[in-house]
PDB file of N, CA and C in Angstrom:
ATOM      1  N   MET A   1      62.505 141.006 139.935  1.00  0.00           N
ATOM      2  CA  MET A   1      61.263 140.765 139.235  1.00  0.00           C
ATOM      3  C   MET A   1      60.267 141.849 139.616  1.00  0.00           C
ATOM      4  N   HIS A   2      59.285 142.033 138.780  1.00  0.00           N
ATOM      5  CA  HIS A   2      58.294 143.066 139.009  1.00  0.00           C
ATOM      6  C   HIS A   2      57.304 142.655 140.087  1.00  0.00           C
ATOM      7  N   PHE A   3      57.006 143.590 140.928  1.00  0.00           N
ATOM      8  CA  PHE A   3      55.978 143.440 141.958  1.00  0.00           C
ATOM      9  C   PHE A   3      56.277 142.335 142.974  1.00  0.00           C
ATOM     10  N   VAL A   4      57.520 142.019 143.156  1.00  0.00           N
ATOM     11  CA  VAL A   4      57.899 141.032 144.165  1.00  0.00           C
ATOM     12  C   VAL A   4      58.604 141.797 145.272  1.00  0.00           C
ATOM     13  N   LYS A   5      58.067 141.684 146.464  1.00  0.00           N
ATOM     14  CA  LYS A   5      58.663 142.397 147.580  1.00  0.00           C
ATOM     15  C   LYS A   5      59.965 141.729 147.985  1.00  0.00           C
ATOM     16  N   LYS A   6      60.922 142.563 148.289  1.00  0.00           N
ATOM     17  CA  LYS A   6      62.216 142.057 148.717  1.00  0.00           C
ATOM     18  C   LYS A   6      62.118 141.639 150.180  1.00  0.00           C
ATOM     19  N   VAL A   7      62.482 140.409 150.427  1.00  0.00           N
ATOM     20  CA  VAL A   7      62.449 139.877 151.781  1.00  0.00           C
ATOM     21  C   VAL A   7      63.845 140.044 152.365  1.00  0.00           C
ATOM     22  N   PRO A   8      63.946 140.696 153.500  1.00  0.00           N
ATOM     23  CA  PRO A   8      65.277 140.871 154.082  1.00  0.00           C
ATOM     24  C   PRO A   8      65.887 139.522 154.477  1.00  0.00           C
ATOM     25  N   THR A   9      67.172 139.389 154.205  1.00  0.00           N
ATOM     26  CA  THR A   9      67.857 138.147 154.559  1.00  0.00           C
ATOM     27  C   THR A   9      68.346 138.227 155.994  1.00  0.00           C
ATOM     28  N   THR A  10      68.382 137.089 156.614  1.00  0.00           N
ATOM     29  CA  THR A  10      68.857 137.042 157.991  1.00  0.00           C
ATOM     30  C   THR A  10      70.375 137.017 157.998  1.00  0.00           C
ATOM     31  N   GLU A  11      70.923 137.245 159.143  1.00  0.00           N
ATOM     32  CA  GLU A  11      72.378 137.223 159.300  1.00  0.00           C
ATOM     33  C   GLU A  11      72.923 135.830 158.994  1.00  0.00           C
ATOM     34  N   GLU A  12      72.177 134.804 159.366  1.00  0.00           N
ATOM     35  CA  GLU A  12      72.614 133.426 159.102  1.00  0.00           C
ATOM     36  C   GLU A  12      72.661 133.143 157.604  1.00  0.00           C
ATOM     37  N   GLU A  13      71.658 133.631 156.872  1.00  0.00           N
ATOM     38  CA  GLU A  13      71.632 133.431 155.426  1.00  0.00           C
ATOM     39  C   GLU A  13      72.785 134.161 154.757  1.00  0.00           C
ATOM     40  N   ARG A  14      73.062 135.389 155.211  1.00  0.00           N
ATOM     41  CA  ARG A  14      74.188 136.145 154.664  1.00  0.00           C
ATOM     42  C   ARG A  14      75.504 135.440 154.942  1.00  0.00           C
ATOM     43  N   ALA A  15      75.655 134.914 156.147  1.00  0.00           N
ATOM     44  CA  ALA A  15      76.885 134.199 156.500  1.00  0.00           C
ATOM     45  C   ALA A  15      77.036 132.935 155.662  1.00  0.00           C
ATOM     46  N   ALA A  16      75.941 132.217 155.450  1.00  0.00           N
ATOM     47  CA  ALA A  16      75.991 130.997 154.636  1.00  0.00           C
ATOM     48  C   ALA A  16      76.342 131.330 153.191  1.00  0.00           C
ATOM     49  N   ARG A  17      75.751 132.405 152.663  1.00  0.00           N
ATOM     50  CA  ARG A  17      76.047 132.816 151.288  1.00  0.00           C
ATOM     51  C   ARG A  17      77.505 133.239 151.151  1.00  0.00           C
ATOM     52  N   LYS A  18      78.005 133.987 152.130  1.00  0.00           N
ATOM     53  CA  LYS A  18      79.399 134.432 152.084  1.00  0.00           C
ATOM     54  C   LYS A  18      80.343 133.237 152.166  1.00  0.00           C
ATOM     55  N   LYS A  19      80.003 132.259 152.994  1.00  0.00           N
ATOM     56  CA  LYS A  19      80.826 131.058 153.118  1.00  0.00           C
ATOM     57  C   LYS A  19      80.865 130.294 151.796  1.00  0.00           C
ATOM     58  N   LEU A  20      79.724 130.193 151.133  1.00  0.00           N
ATOM     59  CA  LEU A  20      79.645 129.509 149.846  1.00  0.00           C
ATOM     60  C   LEU A  20      80.455 130.252 148.784  1.00  0.00           C
ATOM     61  N   GLU A  21      80.327 131.571 148.742  1.00  0.00           N
ATOM     62  CA  GLU A  21      81.081 132.373 147.781  1.00  0.00           C
ATOM     63  C   GLU A  21      82.577 132.271 148.034  1.00  0.00           C
ATOM     64  N   THR A  22      82.977 132.251 149.289  1.00  0.00           N
ATOM     65  CA  THR A  22      84.389 132.113 149.637  1.00  0.00           C
ATOM     66  C   THR A  22      84.928 130.764 149.180  1.00  0.00           C
ATOM     67  N   ALA A  23      84.145 129.722 149.365  1.00  0.00           N
ATOM     68  CA  ALA A  23      84.570 128.386 148.930  1.00  0.00           C
ATOM     69  C   ALA A  23      84.708 128.328 147.412  1.00  0.00           C
ATOM     70  N   LYS A  24      83.762 128.919 146.690  1.00  0.00           N
ATOM     71  CA  LYS A  24      83.839 128.947 145.229  1.00  0.00           C
ATOM     72  C   LYS A  24      85.058 129.726 144.756  1.00  0.00           C
ATOM     73  N   LEU A  25      85.321 130.859 145.397  1.00  0.00           N
ATOM     74  CA  LEU A  25      86.474 131.674 145.029  1.00  0.00           C
ATOM     75  C   LEU A  25      87.775 130.932 145.308  1.00  0.00           C
ATOM     76  N   ARG A  26      87.848 130.258 146.433  1.00  0.00           N
ATOM     77  CA  ARG A  26      89.040 129.493 146.788  1.00  0.00           C
ATOM     78  C   ARG A  26      89.293 128.394 145.744  1.00  0.00           C
ATOM     79  N   THR A  27      88.235 127.717 145.318  1.00  0.00           N
ATOM     80  CA  THR A  27      88.354 126.679 144.291  1.00  0.00           C
ATOM     81  C   THR A  27      88.842 127.280 142.979  1.00  0.00           C
ATOM     82  N   TYR A  28      88.272 128.403 142.582  1.00  0.00           N
ATOM     83  CA  TYR A  28      88.658 129.072 141.339  1.00  0.00           C
ATOM     84  C   TYR A  28      90.135 129.460 141.373  1.00  0.00           C
ATOM     85  N   ILE A  29      90.569 130.041 142.474  1.00  0.00           N
ATOM     86  CA  ILE A  29      91.960 130.473 142.593  1.00  0.00           C
ATOM     87  C   ILE A  29      92.907 129.277 142.583  1.00  0.00           C
ATOM     88  N   THR A  30      92.527 128.196 143.239  1.00  0.00           N
ATOM     89  CA  THR A  30      93.356 126.991 143.257  1.00  0.00           C
ATOM     90  C   THR A  30      93.530 126.437 141.847  1.00  0.00           C
ATOM     91  N   ILE A  31      92.436 126.355 141.098  1.00  0.00           N
ATOM     92  CA  ILE A  31      92.515 125.839 139.727  1.00  0.00           C
ATOM     93  C   ILE A  31      93.322 126.789 138.852  1.00  0.00           C
ATOM     94  N   LYS A  32      93.118 128.091 139.017  1.00  0.00           N
ATOM     95  CA  LYS A  32      93.862 129.086 138.243  1.00  0.00           C
ATOM     96  C   LYS A  32      95.358 128.954 138.491  1.00  0.00           C
ATOM     97  N   ASP A  33      95.748 128.814 139.745  1.00  0.00           N
ATOM     98  CA  ASP A  33      97.160 128.651 140.077  1.00  0.00           C
ATOM     99  C   ASP A  33      97.726 127.367 139.480  1.00  0.00           C
ATOM    100  N   ARG A  34      96.932 126.305 139.498  1.00  0.00           N
ATOM    101  CA  ARG A  34      97.359 125.024 138.917  1.00  0.00           C
ATOM    102  C   ARG A  34      97.592 125.172 137.409  1.00  0.00           C
ATOM    103  N   VAL A  35      96.706 125.897 136.726  1.00  0.00           N
ATOM    104  CA  VAL A  35      96.856 126.118 135.285  1.00  0.00           C
ATOM    105  C   VAL A  35      98.140 126.891 135.000  1.00  0.00           C
ATOM    106  N   PHE A  36      98.390 127.952 135.746  1.00  0.00           N
ATOM    107  CA  PHE A  36      99.588 128.749 135.499  1.00  0.00           C
ATOM    108  C   PHE A  36     100.864 127.972 135.823  1.00  0.00           C
ATOM    109  N   ASP A  37     100.835 127.132 136.855  1.00  0.00           N
ATOM    110  CA  ASP A  37     101.996 126.296 137.174  1.00  0.00           C
ATOM    111  C   ASP A  37     102.275 125.300 136.052  1.00  0.00           C
ATOM    112  N   LYS A  38     101.226 124.649 135.574  1.00  0.00           N
ATOM    113  CA  LYS A  38     101.395 123.673 134.493  1.00  0.00           C
ATOM    114  C   LYS A  38     101.887 124.365 133.219  1.00  0.00           C
ATOM    115  N   ARG A  39     101.389 125.551 132.946  1.00  0.00           N
ATOM    116  CA  ARG A  39     101.824 126.285 131.755  1.00  0.00           C
ATOM    117  C   ARG A  39     103.290 126.685 131.867  1.00  0.00           C
ATOM    118  N   ALA A  40     103.709 127.094 133.048  1.00  0.00           N
ATOM    119  CA  ALA A  40     105.108 127.471 133.248  1.00  0.00           C
ATOM    120  C   ALA A  40     106.040 126.277 133.050  1.00  0.00           C
ATOM    121  N   LYS A  41     105.563 125.086 133.418  1.00  0.00           N
ATOM    122  CA  LYS A  41     106.358 123.869 133.253  1.00  0.00           C
ATOM    123  C   LYS A  41     106.243 123.293 131.841  1.00  0.00           C
ATOM    124  N   GLY A  42     105.346 123.829 131.033  1.00  0.00           N
ATOM    125  CA  GLY A  42     105.153 123.321 129.683  1.00  0.00           C
ATOM    126  C   GLY A  42     104.309 122.063 129.618  1.00  0.00           C
ATOM    127  N   GLU A  43     103.542 121.803 130.648  1.00  0.00           N
ATOM    128  CA  GLU A  43     102.695 120.609 130.706  1.00  0.00           C
ATOM    129  C   GLU A  43     101.334 120.911 130.079  1.00  0.00           C
ATOM    130  N   LEU A  44     101.288 120.831 128.765  1.00  0.00           N
ATOM    131  CA  LEU A  44     100.030 121.051 128.058  1.00  0.00           C
ATOM    132  C   LEU A  44      99.456 119.683 127.718  1.00  0.00           C
ATOM    133  N   ASP A  45      98.571 119.190 128.576  1.00  0.00           N
ATOM    134  CA  ASP A  45      98.059 117.833 128.432  1.00  0.00           C
ATOM    135  C   ASP A  45      96.548 117.806 128.645  1.00  0.00           C
ATOM    136  N   GLU A  46      96.003 116.610 128.742  1.00  0.00           N
ATOM    137  CA  GLU A  46      94.559 116.439 128.917  1.00  0.00           C
ATOM    138  C   GLU A  46      94.059 117.099 130.205  1.00  0.00           C
ATOM    139  N   GLU A  47      94.863 117.029 131.253  1.00  0.00           N
ATOM    140  CA  GLU A  47      94.458 117.661 132.515  1.00  0.00           C
ATOM    141  C   GLU A  47      94.309 119.170 132.328  1.00  0.00           C
ATOM    142  N   MET A  48      95.202 119.761 131.531  1.00  0.00           N
ATOM    143  CA  MET A  48      95.121 121.197 131.267  1.00  0.00           C
ATOM    144  C   MET A  48      93.804 121.537 130.565  1.00  0.00           C
ATOM    145  N   LEU A  49      93.365 120.673 129.654  1.00  0.00           N
ATOM    146  CA  LEU A  49      92.079 120.901 128.988  1.00  0.00           C
ATOM    147  C   LEU A  49      90.933 120.872 129.992  1.00  0.00           C
ATOM    148  N   GLN A  50      90.989 119.943 130.927  1.00  0.00           N
ATOM    149  CA  GLN A  50      89.935 119.848 131.937  1.00  0.00           C
ATOM    150  C   GLN A  50      89.943 121.069 132.857  1.00  0.00           C
ATOM    151  N   LEU A  51      91.132 121.490 133.262  1.00  0.00           N
ATOM    152  CA  LEU A  51      91.236 122.644 134.157  1.00  0.00           C
ATOM    153  C   LEU A  51      90.735 123.919 133.481  1.00  0.00           C
ATOM    154  N   THR A  52      91.164 124.134 132.231  1.00  0.00           N
ATOM    155  CA  THR A  52      90.719 125.343 131.533  1.00  0.00           C
ATOM    156  C   THR A  52      89.219 125.298 131.251  1.00  0.00           C
ATOM    157  N   ALA A  53      88.679 124.112 130.987  1.00  0.00           N
ATOM    158  CA  ALA A  53      87.231 123.998 130.773  1.00  0.00           C
ATOM    159  C   ALA A  53      86.474 124.392 132.037  1.00  0.00           C
ATOM    160  N   THR A  54      86.979 123.968 133.179  1.00  0.00           N
ATOM    161  CA  THR A  54      86.343 124.316 134.450  1.00  0.00           C
ATOM    162  C   THR A  54      86.370 125.825 134.680  1.00  0.00           C
ATOM    163  N   LEU A  55      87.532 126.435 134.436  1.00  0.00           N
ATOM    164  CA  LEU A  55      87.653 127.878 134.640  1.00  0.00           C
ATOM    165  C   LEU A  55      86.778 128.655 133.662  1.00  0.00           C
ATOM    166  N   LEU A  56      86.757 128.218 132.410  1.00  0.00           N
ATOM    167  CA  LEU A  56      85.976 128.936 131.407  1.00  0.00           C
ATOM    168  C   LEU A  56      84.480 128.765 131.617  1.00  0.00           C
ATOM    169  N   ALA A  57      84.069 127.684 132.237  1.00  0.00           N
ATOM    170  CA  ALA A  57      82.654 127.521 132.569  1.00  0.00           C
ATOM    171  C   ALA A  57      82.240 128.548 133.620  1.00  0.00           C
ATOM    172  N   LYS A  58      83.163 128.888 134.494  1.00  0.00           N
ATOM    173  CA  LYS A  58      82.875 129.869 135.542  1.00  0.00           C
ATOM    174  C   LYS A  58      83.056 131.302 135.054  1.00  0.00           C
ATOM    175  N   ASN A  59      84.039 131.521 134.157  1.00  0.00           N
ATOM    176  CA  ASN A  59      84.341 132.865 133.678  1.00  0.00           C
ATOM    177  C   ASN A  59      84.762 132.802 132.208  1.00  0.00           C
ATOM    178  N   PRO A  60      83.807 132.827 131.284  1.00  0.00           N
ATOM    179  CA  PRO A  60      84.150 132.689 129.867  1.00  0.00           C
ATOM    180  C   PRO A  60      84.841 133.913 129.268  1.00  0.00           C
ATOM    181  N   ASP A  61      84.923 135.015 129.986  1.00  0.00           N
ATOM    182  CA  ASP A  61      85.567 136.218 129.474  1.00  0.00           C
ATOM    183  C   ASP A  61      87.069 136.253 129.719  1.00  0.00           C
ATOM    184  N   ALA A  62      87.625 135.231 130.329  1.00  0.00           N
ATOM    185  CA  ALA A  62      89.057 135.198 130.635  1.00  0.00           C
ATOM    186  C   ALA A  62      89.812 134.694 129.406  1.00  0.00           C
ATOM    187  N   TYR A  63      90.264 135.632 128.575  1.00  0.00           N
ATOM    188  CA  TYR A  63      90.913 135.265 127.316  1.00  0.00           C
ATOM    189  C   TYR A  63      92.222 134.527 127.520  1.00  0.00           C
ATOM    190  N   THR A  64      92.883 134.743 128.627  1.00  0.00           N
ATOM    191  CA  THR A  64      94.127 134.032 128.905  1.00  0.00           C
ATOM    192  C   THR A  64      93.894 132.531 128.914  1.00  0.00           C
ATOM    193  N   PHE A  65      92.807 132.094 129.519  1.00  0.00           N
ATOM    194  CA  PHE A  65      92.523 130.660 129.583  1.00  0.00           C
ATOM    195  C   PHE A  65      92.118 130.108 128.222  1.00  0.00           C
ATOM    196  N   TRP A  66      91.454 130.926 127.397  1.00  0.00           N
ATOM    197  CA  TRP A  66      91.151 130.488 126.032  1.00  0.00           C
ATOM    198  C   TRP A  66      92.448 130.287 125.250  1.00  0.00           C
ATOM    199  N   ASN A  67      93.399 131.204 125.422  1.00  0.00           N
ATOM    200  CA  ASN A  67      94.671 131.084 124.708  1.00  0.00           C
ATOM    201  C   ASN A  67      95.469 129.875 125.182  1.00  0.00           C
ATOM    202  N   ILE A  68      95.466 129.624 126.472  1.00  0.00           N
ATOM    203  CA  ILE A  68      96.152 128.443 127.005  1.00  0.00           C
ATOM    204  C   ILE A  68      95.489 127.185 126.464  1.00  0.00           C
ATOM    205  N   ARG A  69      94.184 127.179 126.426  1.00  0.00           N
ATOM    206  CA  ARG A  69      93.444 126.024 125.909  1.00  0.00           C
ATOM    207  C   ARG A  69      93.767 125.791 124.428  1.00  0.00           C
ATOM    208  N   ARG A  70      93.825 126.873 123.650  1.00  0.00           N
ATOM    209  CA  ARG A  70      94.158 126.759 122.231  1.00  0.00           C
ATOM    210  C   ARG A  70      95.552 126.180 122.045  1.00  0.00           C
ATOM    211  N   ALA A  71      96.518 126.669 122.819  1.00  0.00           N
ATOM    212  CA  ALA A  71      97.885 126.157 122.730  1.00  0.00           C
ATOM    213  C   ALA A  71      97.938 124.675 123.106  1.00  0.00           C
ATOM    214  N   THR A  72      97.166 124.287 124.098  1.00  0.00           N
ATOM    215  CA  THR A  72      97.123 122.884 124.518  1.00  0.00           C
ATOM    216  C   THR A  72      96.549 122.012 123.407  1.00  0.00           C
ATOM    217  N   ILE A  73      95.477 122.455 122.803  1.00  0.00           N
ATOM    218  CA  ILE A  73      94.862 121.687 121.716  1.00  0.00           C
ATOM    219  C   ILE A  73      95.818 121.578 120.534  1.00  0.00           C
ATOM    220  N   GLU A  74      96.513 122.667 120.207  1.00  0.00           N
ATOM    221  CA  GLU A  74      97.481 122.625 119.107  1.00  0.00           C
ATOM    222  C   GLU A  74      98.597 121.625 119.396  1.00  0.00           C
ATOM    223  N   LYS A  75      99.094 121.627 120.621  1.00  0.00           N
ATOM    224  CA  LYS A  75     100.171 120.701 120.974  1.00  0.00           C
ATOM    225  C   LYS A  75      99.685 119.257 120.923  1.00  0.00           C
ATOM    226  N   LEU A  76      98.513 118.992 121.474  1.00  0.00           N
ATOM    227  CA  LEU A  76      97.980 117.630 121.459  1.00  0.00           C
ATOM    228  C   LEU A  76      97.701 117.161 120.030  1.00  0.00           C
ATOM    229  N   THR A  77      97.272 118.070 119.167  1.00  0.00           N
ATOM    230  CA  THR A  77      97.032 117.723 117.767  1.00  0.00           C
ATOM    231  C   THR A  77      98.338 117.366 117.070  1.00  0.00           C
ATOM    232  N   LYS A  78      99.391 118.139 117.312  1.00  0.00           N
ATOM    233  CA  LYS A  78     100.697 117.841 116.712  1.00  0.00           C
ATOM    234  C   LYS A  78     101.211 116.491 117.176  1.00  0.00           C
ATOM    235  N   VAL A  79     101.065 116.208 118.453  1.00  0.00           N
ATOM    236  CA  VAL A  79     101.514 114.921 118.991  1.00  0.00           C
ATOM    237  C   VAL A  79     100.726 113.785 118.350  1.00  0.00           C
ATOM    238  N   ALA A  80      99.423 113.956 118.221  1.00  0.00           N
ATOM    239  CA  ALA A  80      98.583 112.916 117.617  1.00  0.00           C
ATOM    240  C   ALA A  80      98.944 112.704 116.152  1.00  0.00           C
ATOM    241  N   LEU A  81      99.216 113.782 115.429  1.00  0.00           N
ATOM    242  CA  LEU A  81      99.594 113.651 114.021  1.00  0.00           C
ATOM    243  C   LEU A  81     100.955 112.980 113.871  1.00  0.00           C
ATOM    244  N   ASN A  82     101.878 113.284 114.765  1.00  0.00           N
ATOM    245  CA  ASN A  82     103.197 112.643 114.716  1.00  0.00           C
ATOM    246  C   ASN A  82     103.082 111.150 114.964  1.00  0.00           C
ATOM    247  N   ILE A  83     102.202 110.755 115.855  1.00  0.00           N
ATOM    248  CA  ILE A  83     102.009 109.330 116.146  1.00  0.00           C
ATOM    249  C   ILE A  83     101.392 108.630 114.936  1.00  0.00           C
ATOM    250  N   CYS A  84     100.444 109.287 114.280  1.00  0.00           N
ATOM    251  CA  CYS A  84      99.761 108.680 113.128  1.00  0.00           C
ATOM    252  C   CYS A  84     100.691 108.507 111.932  1.00  0.00           C
ATOM    253  N   PHE A  85     101.590 109.446 111.714  1.00  0.00           N
ATOM    254  CA  PHE A  85     102.414 109.423 110.509  1.00  0.00           C
ATOM    255  C   PHE A  85     103.818 108.885 110.726  1.00  0.00           C
ATOM    256  N   VAL A  86     104.082 108.360 111.876  1.00  0.00           N
ATOM    257  CA  VAL A  86     105.418 107.801 112.124  1.00  0.00           C
ATOM    258  C   VAL A  86     105.421 106.329 111.881  1.00  0.00           C
TER     259      VAL A  86
END
């Protein structure tokens, strides 16, 4: 911001920020690995929609997760249509 002096951060604040960023990154990687495992097994279900929504909220530029989400929605739609017309 304009005309706002930068206040130096203390070592404790830097350590706390790094710890928080590490925890967020660990969570992101765990969810990402879960999505890829489920995709490899062909488990395109409601949980996959929740996982991809979480990842895309954090990083909307990851087109791989958009494509996985699209495939999941297509599969769930086909299943729902088969149930309705059977």
